[in-house]
Amino acid sequence: MKSAKEYQSWFSLGIIWAGAVISIPSLLVGNALVAGMGLSRALLVTLAGYAIIVLLMILQGIQSTDLGRPTVQVAGQVFGKKGSRTILSIILAIACLGWFGIQANVCGAALANLLAEIGVHLPVPLASLICGLVMVVSAMYGIKVLRVISYIAVPLLIGISVFGLIEAFTGDSLQIIKNYKPAAVMSFTDGLAVTLGSFALGAVIAGDYSQFSKKRSDVLKAALFGIIPAGLLMIGAGAVLTIAYRASDITATFLSITTPLIGGVILILATWKTNLVNVISGGFALINVFNVSKEKEKWAVGIAGTIGTVLAVVGILNYFTPIMSILSAMIPPVAGVMIASYWVLGKGDKNRWQEVEGVNALGVVSWLLGAVIACAPVVLSFFPSLPQVPNQPLAGIVISFVVYYVGYRLSAQKTSYWRKRK
């Protein structure tokens, strides 16, 4: 049982979740969406995507609230104790390292453009390498550096975004926003995949934070009031600012707001802040996957950051949309299996929950089938000569849910049959 001191209010949980959404990745999503669809459609996709994210967060978060355990332990029923730790850690490592590379790439582009203003020309890959290494070294000093940079970066990021929006809606840019026509075409489902991929991991591991909530309604209120307003604000800001400042990417947009120096510095600090979380979480994930001792924690963080830096140098930002689609395919099926087990088979009763030792093959296979099938359209898109399949970002979670439910029912019937025979 949790003591009264350990409980957190729904408001404090909502602030934590809102803080995770108020970041450069959300602005990147807005930039990607508005490049392929109009502003109103981009906002509609955002609302639909975050509604699904919030639903998953509520269902996932309540499980941890009921049991007072983090996600990796709650998932110990469907994947087994060892399977849960391995699967969730692998997914966390992939997501964190991918995001680290993307944001180090953004930071490198900002640094290169900033230096160009004073006549120093630095290639973006080299600038990304420098930014990535600085982030890695600072991350190895842990949470103290993260806390200091967060106190500086978050208010500045909110400030420049709000300032940019005010300028956009009060000046000549308003007409540009009204007349905007996207250069490319993005389908609604592709846009939904990008939106889901941007925060799918946060939805699945919502229980890591909600385990300290007192009651189920706290999770509901925190998700509704913490995620949807912040998500719409930041993705909407990314879209509107991209149109208003006629910029091709988020780096060019920030350099156009106020002055290149101010915009560039804020962008660098914001990516630095988020990437400290990415590399630390990615390092911990590697420790779990490879069963590394606690004494080698700093080395794990260093290795994770180095991998992310290599991704930045090779230009991972150019593949932002397919990466988000892959994350939206891989991660939600975890929730599909857990929801089928806890909410449908277990009827939401915490007394029916029981951790399984080792690996639960049914849960692992159910997740894997959903993830692989959902990833197929994204993989095929890299090979235009092959038959193409429309992107269905919710296919994975539905398939994993159904496979686990049917598999569990069949195994229960088989067990019952053999018991009768005996």
Protein backbone atom coordinates (compact mmCIF):
# COMPACT_ATOMS: atom_id res chain seq x y z
CA MET A 1 0.00 0.00 0.00
CA LYS A 2 1.10 3.54 -0.79
CA SER A 3 1.31 5.98 2.10
CA ALA A 4 -0.45 9.35 1.96
CA LYS A 5 2.87 11.08 1.28
CA GLU A 6 3.49 8.96 -1.83
CA TYR A 7 0.21 9.89 -3.53
CA GLN A 8 0.26 12.56 -6.25
CA SER A 9 -2.61 14.81 -7.30
CA TRP A 10 -4.14 14.57 -10.76
CA PHE A 11 -2.91 18.11 -11.42
CA SER A 12 0.75 17.27 -10.73
CA LEU A 13 0.46 14.18 -12.97
CA GLY A 14 -1.13 16.30 -15.70
CA ILE A 15 1.73 18.82 -15.49
CA ILE A 16 4.28 16.02 -15.90
CA TRP A 17 2.52 14.70 -18.99
CA ALA A 18 1.99 18.18 -20.43
CA GLY A 19 5.70 18.90 -19.94
CA ALA A 20 6.56 15.83 -22.00
CA VAL A 21 4.43 17.12 -24.89
CA ILE A 22 5.80 20.68 -24.75
CA SER A 23 8.94 19.90 -26.72
CA ILE A 24 10.67 20.15 -30.09
CA PRO A 25 9.29 16.76 -31.27
CA SER A 26 5.74 18.16 -31.08
CA LEU A 27 6.77 21.15 -33.20
CA LEU A 28 8.42 18.74 -35.66
CA VAL A 29 5.15 16.82 -35.98
CA GLY A 30 3.29 20.05 -36.75
CA ASN A 31 5.91 20.91 -39.37
CA ALA A 32 5.61 17.45 -40.99
CA LEU A 33 1.79 17.45 -40.98
CA VAL A 34 1.31 20.91 -42.46
CA ALA A 35 3.79 20.13 -45.25
CA GLY A 36 1.41 17.42 -46.47
CA MET A 37 -2.04 18.81 -45.63
CA GLY A 38 -3.82 22.07 -44.88
CA LEU A 39 -3.80 23.63 -41.42
CA SER A 40 -7.38 22.69 -40.51
CA ARG A 41 -6.80 19.08 -41.57
CA ALA A 42 -3.51 18.94 -39.66
CA LEU A 43 -5.30 20.11 -36.50
CA LEU A 44 -8.07 17.55 -37.06
CA VAL A 45 -5.49 14.75 -37.40
CA THR A 46 -3.77 16.01 -34.23
CA LEU A 47 -7.05 15.98 -32.29
CA ALA A 48 -7.86 12.45 -33.51
CA GLY A 49 -4.35 11.20 -32.78
CA TYR A 50 -4.21 12.62 -29.29
CA ALA A 51 -7.71 11.36 -28.51
CA ILE A 52 -6.43 7.83 -29.23
CA ILE A 53 -3.25 8.50 -27.23
CA VAL A 54 -5.28 9.74 -24.26
CA LEU A 55 -7.53 6.66 -24.39
CA LEU A 56 -4.48 4.39 -24.33
CA MET A 57 -2.93 6.43 -21.51
CA ILE A 58 -6.07 6.12 -19.41
CA LEU A 59 -6.36 2.36 -19.90
CA GLN A 60 -2.63 1.80 -19.36
CA GLY A 61 -2.32 4.30 -16.52
CA ILE A 62 -5.22 2.92 -14.50
CA GLN A 63 -3.65 -0.55 -14.48
CA SER A 64 -0.62 0.86 -12.69
CA THR A 65 -2.79 2.96 -10.37
CA ASP A 66 -4.77 -0.13 -9.37
CA LEU A 67 -1.67 -2.25 -8.77
CA GLY A 68 0.76 0.45 -7.59
CA ARG A 69 3.41 -0.84 -10.02
CA PRO A 70 5.28 0.59 -13.04
CA THR A 71 4.46 -0.55 -16.60
CA VAL A 72 7.26 -3.11 -16.89
CA GLN A 73 5.93 -4.95 -13.81
CA VAL A 74 2.26 -4.72 -14.83
CA ALA A 75 3.19 -6.19 -18.22
CA GLY A 76 4.73 -9.13 -16.36
CA GLN A 77 1.38 -10.91 -16.63
CA VAL A 78 1.08 -10.84 -20.43
CA PHE A 79 4.76 -11.06 -21.41
CA GLY A 80 6.18 -12.78 -18.33
CA LYS A 81 8.61 -11.11 -15.92
CA LYS A 82 11.66 -11.63 -18.17
CA GLY A 83 9.74 -11.08 -21.43
CA SER A 84 8.26 -7.81 -20.22
CA ARG A 85 11.60 -6.36 -19.18
CA THR A 86 13.22 -7.37 -22.47
CA ILE A 87 10.45 -6.28 -24.87
CA LEU A 88 9.73 -2.93 -23.22
CA SER A 89 13.44 -2.19 -22.86
CA ILE A 90 14.11 -2.95 -26.54
CA ILE A 91 11.22 -0.70 -27.63
CA LEU A 92 12.36 2.04 -25.24
CA ALA A 93 15.94 1.81 -26.51
CA ILE A 94 14.88 2.01 -30.18
CA ALA A 95 12.53 4.95 -29.56
CA CYS A 96 14.97 6.90 -27.39
CA LEU A 97 17.96 6.42 -29.70
CA GLY A 98 15.87 7.35 -32.75
CA TRP A 99 14.61 10.51 -31.04
CA PHE A 100 18.12 11.34 -29.84
CA GLY A 101 19.40 11.17 -33.42
CA ILE A 102 16.54 13.30 -34.75
CA GLN A 103 17.00 16.03 -32.15
CA ALA A 104 20.80 16.03 -32.36
CA ASN A 105 20.28 16.50 -36.11
CA VAL A 106 17.94 19.47 -35.44
CA CYS A 107 20.47 20.90 -32.99
CA GLY A 108 23.28 20.46 -35.52
CA ALA A 109 21.29 22.27 -38.22
CA ALA A 110 20.55 25.11 -35.77
CA LEU A 111 24.23 25.39 -34.81
CA ALA A 112 25.35 25.36 -38.46
CA ASN A 113 22.84 28.09 -39.41
CA LEU A 114 23.72 30.12 -36.35
CA LEU A 115 27.43 30.03 -37.16
CA ALA A 116 26.69 30.94 -40.78
CA GLU A 117 25.23 34.24 -39.51
CA ILE A 118 28.71 35.23 -38.32
CA GLY A 119 30.50 33.91 -41.40
CA VAL A 120 31.58 30.51 -40.05
CA HIS A 121 30.48 27.67 -42.35
CA LEU A 122 30.18 24.28 -40.67
CA PRO A 123 28.63 21.26 -42.43
CA VAL A 124 25.43 20.05 -40.73
CA PRO A 125 26.77 16.47 -40.22
CA LEU A 126 29.83 17.84 -38.39
CA ALA A 127 27.67 20.23 -36.35
CA SER A 128 25.36 17.30 -35.48
CA LEU A 129 28.39 15.29 -34.36
CA ILE A 130 29.55 18.11 -32.07
CA CYS A 131 26.05 18.60 -30.61
CA GLY A 132 25.55 14.88 -30.07
CA LEU A 133 28.87 14.43 -28.27
CA VAL A 134 28.24 17.44 -26.00
CA MET A 135 24.82 16.00 -25.12
CA VAL A 136 26.34 12.59 -24.39
CA VAL A 137 29.04 13.96 -22.09
CA SER A 138 26.55 16.14 -20.19
CA ALA A 139 24.14 13.19 -19.84
CA MET A 140 26.85 11.13 -18.18
CA TYR A 141 26.73 13.62 -15.31
CA GLY A 142 23.09 12.69 -14.80
CA ILE A 143 19.98 14.39 -13.52
CA LYS A 144 21.64 17.56 -12.15
CA VAL A 145 22.53 18.83 -15.63
CA LEU A 146 19.05 17.92 -16.90
CA ARG A 147 17.38 19.89 -14.11
CA VAL A 148 19.39 23.06 -14.77
CA ILE A 149 18.82 22.99 -18.55
CA SER A 150 15.11 22.20 -18.11
CA TYR A 151 14.57 25.26 -15.90
CA ILE A 152 16.06 27.40 -18.66
CA ALA A 153 14.85 25.69 -21.84
CA VAL A 154 11.16 24.98 -21.14
CA PRO A 155 10.08 28.60 -20.36
CA LEU A 156 12.13 29.88 -23.32
CA LEU A 157 10.56 27.33 -25.69
CA ILE A 158 7.04 28.23 -24.57
CA GLY A 159 7.89 31.93 -24.73
CA ILE A 160 9.25 31.93 -28.29
CA SER A 161 6.40 29.70 -29.53
CA VAL A 162 3.74 32.00 -28.06
CA PHE A 163 5.58 35.10 -29.33
CA GLY A 164 5.78 33.58 -32.82
CA LEU A 165 2.05 32.77 -32.79
CA ILE A 166 1.12 36.29 -31.70
CA GLU A 167 3.27 37.75 -34.49
CA ALA A 168 1.72 35.33 -37.00
CA PHE A 169 -1.89 36.16 -36.12
CA THR A 170 -1.49 39.93 -35.77
CA GLY A 171 0.69 40.78 -38.77
CA ASP A 172 0.67 40.23 -42.54
CA SER A 173 1.26 36.52 -41.96
CA LEU A 174 -2.44 36.00 -41.21
CA GLN A 175 -3.30 36.23 -44.91
CA ILE A 176 -0.46 33.82 -45.75
CA ILE A 177 -1.91 31.31 -43.26
CA LYS A 178 -5.41 31.66 -44.78
CA ASN A 179 -4.16 31.14 -48.34
CA TYR A 180 -1.75 28.29 -47.54
CA LYS A 181 -1.75 25.25 -49.83
CA PRO A 182 0.51 22.28 -48.97
CA ALA A 183 3.25 21.38 -51.44
CA ALA A 184 2.83 17.63 -50.91
CA VAL A 185 -0.10 15.31 -50.21
CA MET A 186 -0.35 13.27 -47.01
CA SER A 187 -3.29 10.96 -46.34
CA PHE A 188 -5.27 11.16 -43.11
CA THR A 189 -4.00 7.73 -41.98
CA ASP A 190 -0.38 8.69 -42.67
CA GLY A 191 -0.88 11.87 -40.65
CA LEU A 192 -2.47 9.83 -37.88
CA ALA A 193 0.55 7.49 -37.88
CA VAL A 194 2.94 10.45 -37.51
CA THR A 195 0.88 11.87 -34.62
CA LEU A 196 0.57 8.54 -32.83
CA GLY A 197 4.25 7.75 -33.30
CA SER A 198 5.28 11.01 -31.67
CA PHE A 199 3.84 10.00 -28.26
CA ALA A 200 2.99 6.29 -28.54
CA LEU A 201 5.73 5.35 -26.10
CA GLY A 202 4.49 7.89 -23.56
CA ALA A 203 0.99 6.38 -23.79
CA VAL A 204 2.17 2.79 -23.30
CA ILE A 205 4.42 3.58 -20.30
CA ALA A 206 1.91 6.01 -18.73
CA GLY A 207 1.80 3.74 -15.69
CA ASP A 208 5.36 4.66 -14.75
CA TYR A 209 3.95 8.01 -13.60
CA SER A 210 0.34 7.13 -12.72
CA GLN A 211 1.35 4.35 -10.30
CA PHE A 212 1.48 7.06 -7.60
CA SER A 213 -2.09 8.29 -8.23
CA LYS A 214 -4.72 7.71 -5.56
CA LYS A 215 -7.72 6.81 -7.72
CA ARG A 216 -8.67 6.00 -11.31
CA SER A 217 -10.36 9.35 -11.94
CA ASP A 218 -7.02 11.11 -11.32
CA VAL A 219 -5.54 9.34 -14.36
CA LEU A 220 -8.57 10.28 -16.47
CA LYS A 221 -8.38 13.98 -15.56
CA ALA A 222 -4.60 14.18 -15.88
CA ALA A 223 -4.63 12.63 -19.37
CA LEU A 224 -7.52 14.77 -20.63
CA PHE A 225 -6.30 18.11 -19.30
CA GLY A 226 -2.56 17.46 -19.52
CA ILE A 227 -2.17 15.93 -22.97
CA ILE A 228 -4.82 17.23 -25.38
CA PRO A 229 -4.44 21.01 -24.77
CA ALA A 230 -0.62 20.83 -24.73
CA GLY A 231 -0.55 18.57 -27.79
CA LEU A 232 -2.86 20.79 -29.84
CA LEU A 233 -0.92 23.90 -28.77
CA MET A 234 2.54 22.61 -29.68
CA ILE A 235 1.66 20.74 -32.88
CA GLY A 236 -0.57 23.62 -33.93
CA ALA A 237 2.27 26.04 -33.18
CA GLY A 238 4.67 23.98 -35.28
CA ALA A 239 2.22 24.03 -38.19
CA VAL A 240 1.25 27.71 -37.97
CA LEU A 241 4.83 28.94 -37.51
CA THR A 242 6.01 26.88 -40.49
CA ILE A 243 3.37 28.55 -42.70
CA ALA A 244 3.71 32.06 -41.28
CA TYR A 245 7.49 32.22 -41.60
CA ARG A 246 7.55 30.34 -44.92
CA ALA A 247 10.14 27.93 -43.60
CA SER A 248 10.90 24.43 -44.88
CA ASP A 249 11.86 23.05 -41.46
CA ILE A 250 11.66 23.86 -37.77
CA THR A 251 15.24 25.15 -37.64
CA ALA A 252 14.60 27.80 -40.30
CA THR A 253 11.36 28.73 -38.52
CA PHE A 254 13.07 29.37 -35.17
CA LEU A 255 15.83 31.41 -36.76
CA SER A 256 13.14 33.63 -38.33
CA ILE A 257 11.35 34.34 -35.04
CA THR A 258 12.88 37.33 -33.17
CA THR A 259 16.57 37.09 -34.21
CA PRO A 260 18.67 34.14 -35.49
CA LEU A 261 20.79 34.28 -32.33
CA ILE A 262 17.85 34.10 -29.90
CA GLY A 263 15.93 31.50 -31.95
CA GLY A 264 19.03 29.37 -32.52
CA VAL A 265 20.07 29.37 -28.85
CA ILE A 266 16.55 28.44 -27.67
CA LEU A 267 16.35 25.63 -30.22
CA ILE A 268 19.72 24.25 -29.14
CA LEU A 269 18.77 24.38 -25.44
CA ALA A 270 15.36 22.77 -26.07
CA THR A 271 16.81 19.85 -28.05
CA TRP A 272 19.56 19.47 -25.48
CA LYS A 273 17.04 19.24 -22.65
CA THR A 274 14.92 16.56 -24.32
CA ASN A 275 17.92 14.60 -25.53
CA LEU A 276 19.30 14.29 -22.01
CA VAL A 277 16.10 12.41 -21.14
CA ASN A 278 16.39 10.31 -24.31
CA VAL A 279 19.99 9.26 -23.75
CA ILE A 280 19.56 8.54 -20.03
CA SER A 281 16.41 6.47 -20.68
CA GLY A 282 18.08 4.76 -23.64
CA GLY A 283 21.09 3.90 -21.48
CA PHE A 284 18.88 2.37 -18.77
CA ALA A 285 17.04 0.38 -21.45
CA LEU A 286 20.34 -1.06 -22.72
CA ILE A 287 21.21 -2.03 -19.13
CA ASN A 288 17.97 -4.03 -18.90
CA VAL A 289 18.31 -5.65 -22.34
CA PHE A 290 21.91 -6.79 -21.85
CA ASN A 291 21.72 -7.21 -18.07
CA VAL A 292 24.58 -4.75 -17.49
CA SER A 293 25.64 -4.10 -13.92
CA LYS A 294 24.66 -0.83 -12.21
CA GLU A 295 28.33 0.15 -11.91
CA LYS A 296 28.55 0.49 -15.72
CA GLU A 297 25.56 2.82 -15.94
CA LYS A 298 27.57 5.78 -17.26
CA TRP A 299 29.11 3.64 -19.98
CA ALA A 300 25.66 2.43 -21.06
CA VAL A 301 24.50 6.05 -21.32
CA GLY A 302 27.64 6.89 -23.30
CA ILE A 303 27.11 4.01 -25.74
CA ALA A 304 23.44 4.90 -26.21
CA GLY A 305 24.34 8.51 -26.94
CA THR A 306 27.08 7.53 -29.36
CA ILE A 307 24.65 5.39 -31.36
CA GLY A 308 22.18 8.28 -31.43
CA THR A 309 24.92 10.68 -32.54
CA VAL A 310 25.85 8.41 -35.46
CA LEU A 311 22.19 8.46 -36.53
CA ALA A 312 22.27 12.27 -36.41
CA VAL A 313 25.42 12.44 -38.54
CA VAL A 314 23.90 10.27 -41.29
CA GLY A 315 20.83 12.54 -41.39
CA ILE A 316 18.08 10.63 -39.62
CA LEU A 317 15.92 13.80 -39.65
CA ASN A 318 15.34 13.21 -43.39
CA TYR A 319 13.39 10.07 -42.47
CA PHE A 320 11.21 11.64 -39.76
CA THR A 321 7.83 10.57 -41.21
CA PRO A 322 8.67 6.86 -41.78
CA ILE A 323 10.33 6.67 -38.35
CA MET A 324 7.17 8.01 -36.68
CA SER A 325 5.13 5.50 -38.68
CA ILE A 326 7.34 2.63 -37.52
CA LEU A 327 7.06 3.74 -33.88
CA SER A 328 3.26 3.97 -34.24
CA ALA A 329 3.31 0.39 -35.57
CA MET A 330 5.69 -1.15 -33.01
CA ILE A 331 4.61 0.41 -29.74
CA PRO A 332 0.75 0.44 -29.50
CA PRO A 333 0.48 -3.39 -29.89
CA VAL A 334 2.05 -3.63 -26.41
CA ALA A 335 -1.01 -1.80 -25.09
CA GLY A 336 -3.29 -4.02 -27.20
CA VAL A 337 -2.06 -7.14 -25.41
CA MET A 338 -2.15 -5.51 -21.96
CA ILE A 339 -5.67 -4.10 -22.49
CA ALA A 340 -6.97 -7.49 -23.66
CA SER A 341 -5.54 -9.16 -20.56
CA TYR A 342 -6.43 -6.64 -17.85
CA TRP A 343 -9.62 -4.99 -19.09
CA VAL A 344 -11.36 -7.74 -21.09
CA LEU A 345 -10.18 -11.09 -19.75
CA GLY A 346 -9.51 -9.76 -16.25
CA LYS A 347 -12.55 -7.38 -16.31
CA GLY A 348 -10.44 -4.59 -14.79
CA ASP A 349 -10.16 -6.44 -11.47
CA LYS A 350 -6.73 -6.07 -9.88
CA ASN A 351 -7.26 -9.25 -7.87
CA ARG A 352 -7.19 -11.26 -11.12
CA TRP A 353 -3.78 -9.90 -12.06
CA GLN A 354 -0.83 -12.20 -11.49
CA GLU A 355 2.78 -11.86 -12.62
CA VAL A 356 4.18 -14.77 -14.67
CA GLU A 357 7.75 -15.97 -14.26
CA GLY A 358 10.04 -16.15 -17.30
CA VAL A 359 8.47 -15.49 -20.71
CA ASN A 360 4.76 -15.70 -21.63
CA ALA A 361 4.95 -16.91 -25.25
CA LEU A 362 1.33 -15.99 -26.06
CA GLY A 363 1.85 -12.35 -25.14
CA VAL A 364 5.16 -12.07 -27.00
CA VAL A 365 3.78 -13.68 -30.18
CA SER A 366 0.61 -11.54 -30.05
CA TRP A 367 2.65 -8.33 -29.80
CA LEU A 368 5.09 -9.43 -32.50
CA LEU A 369 2.36 -10.32 -35.00
CA GLY A 370 0.64 -6.96 -34.52
CA ALA A 371 3.92 -5.03 -34.77
CA VAL A 372 5.18 -6.84 -37.89
CA ILE A 373 1.89 -6.57 -39.80
CA ALA A 374 1.49 -2.89 -38.88
CA CYS A 375 5.08 -2.17 -39.97
CA ALA A 376 4.60 -3.81 -43.39
CA PRO A 377 3.18 -0.70 -45.20
CA VAL A 378 6.09 1.45 -43.96
CA VAL A 379 8.71 -1.11 -45.02
CA LEU A 380 7.08 -1.60 -48.44
CA SER A 381 7.10 2.18 -49.03
CA PHE A 382 10.91 1.99 -49.28
CA PHE A 383 10.52 -0.35 -52.28
CA PRO A 384 8.24 1.42 -54.83
CA SER A 385 8.48 -1.50 -57.29
CA LEU A 386 6.67 -3.80 -54.84
CA PRO A 387 2.87 -3.78 -54.26
CA GLN A 388 1.99 -1.03 -51.76
CA VAL A 389 -0.36 -1.35 -48.79
CA PRO A 390 -2.17 1.65 -47.23
CA ASN A 391 -0.83 2.69 -43.83
CA GLN A 392 -3.22 1.60 -41.06
CA PRO A 393 -1.69 2.85 -37.77
CA LEU A 394 -4.31 1.16 -35.57
CA ALA A 395 -4.02 -2.26 -37.25
CA GLY A 396 -1.24 -3.44 -34.94
CA ILE A 397 -3.05 -2.77 -31.68
CA VAL A 398 -6.25 -4.45 -32.95
CA ILE A 399 -4.39 -7.54 -34.24
CA SER A 400 -2.42 -7.96 -31.00
CA PHE A 401 -5.59 -7.54 -28.94
CA VAL A 402 -7.52 -10.16 -30.96
CA VAL A 403 -4.64 -12.68 -31.16
CA TYR A 404 -4.05 -12.54 -27.41
CA TYR A 405 -7.75 -12.77 -26.56
CA VAL A 406 -8.43 -15.70 -28.91
CA GLY A 407 -5.18 -17.45 -27.94
CA TYR A 408 -5.99 -17.13 -24.24
CA ARG A 409 -9.53 -18.45 -24.72
CA LEU A 410 -8.33 -21.42 -26.77
CA SER A 411 -5.61 -22.29 -24.26
CA ALA A 412 -8.13 -22.05 -21.40
CA GLN A 413 -10.54 -24.38 -23.24
CA LYS A 414 -7.72 -26.83 -23.96
CA THR A 415 -6.66 -26.83 -20.30
CA SER A 416 -10.26 -27.36 -19.20
CA TYR A 417 -10.66 -30.25 -21.69
CA TRP A 418 -7.57 -32.12 -20.42
CA ARG A 419 -8.61 -31.61 -16.83
CA LYS A 420 -11.98 -33.25 -17.60
CA ARG A 421 -10.22 -36.12 -19.39
CA LYS A 422 -8.07 -36.77 -16.35
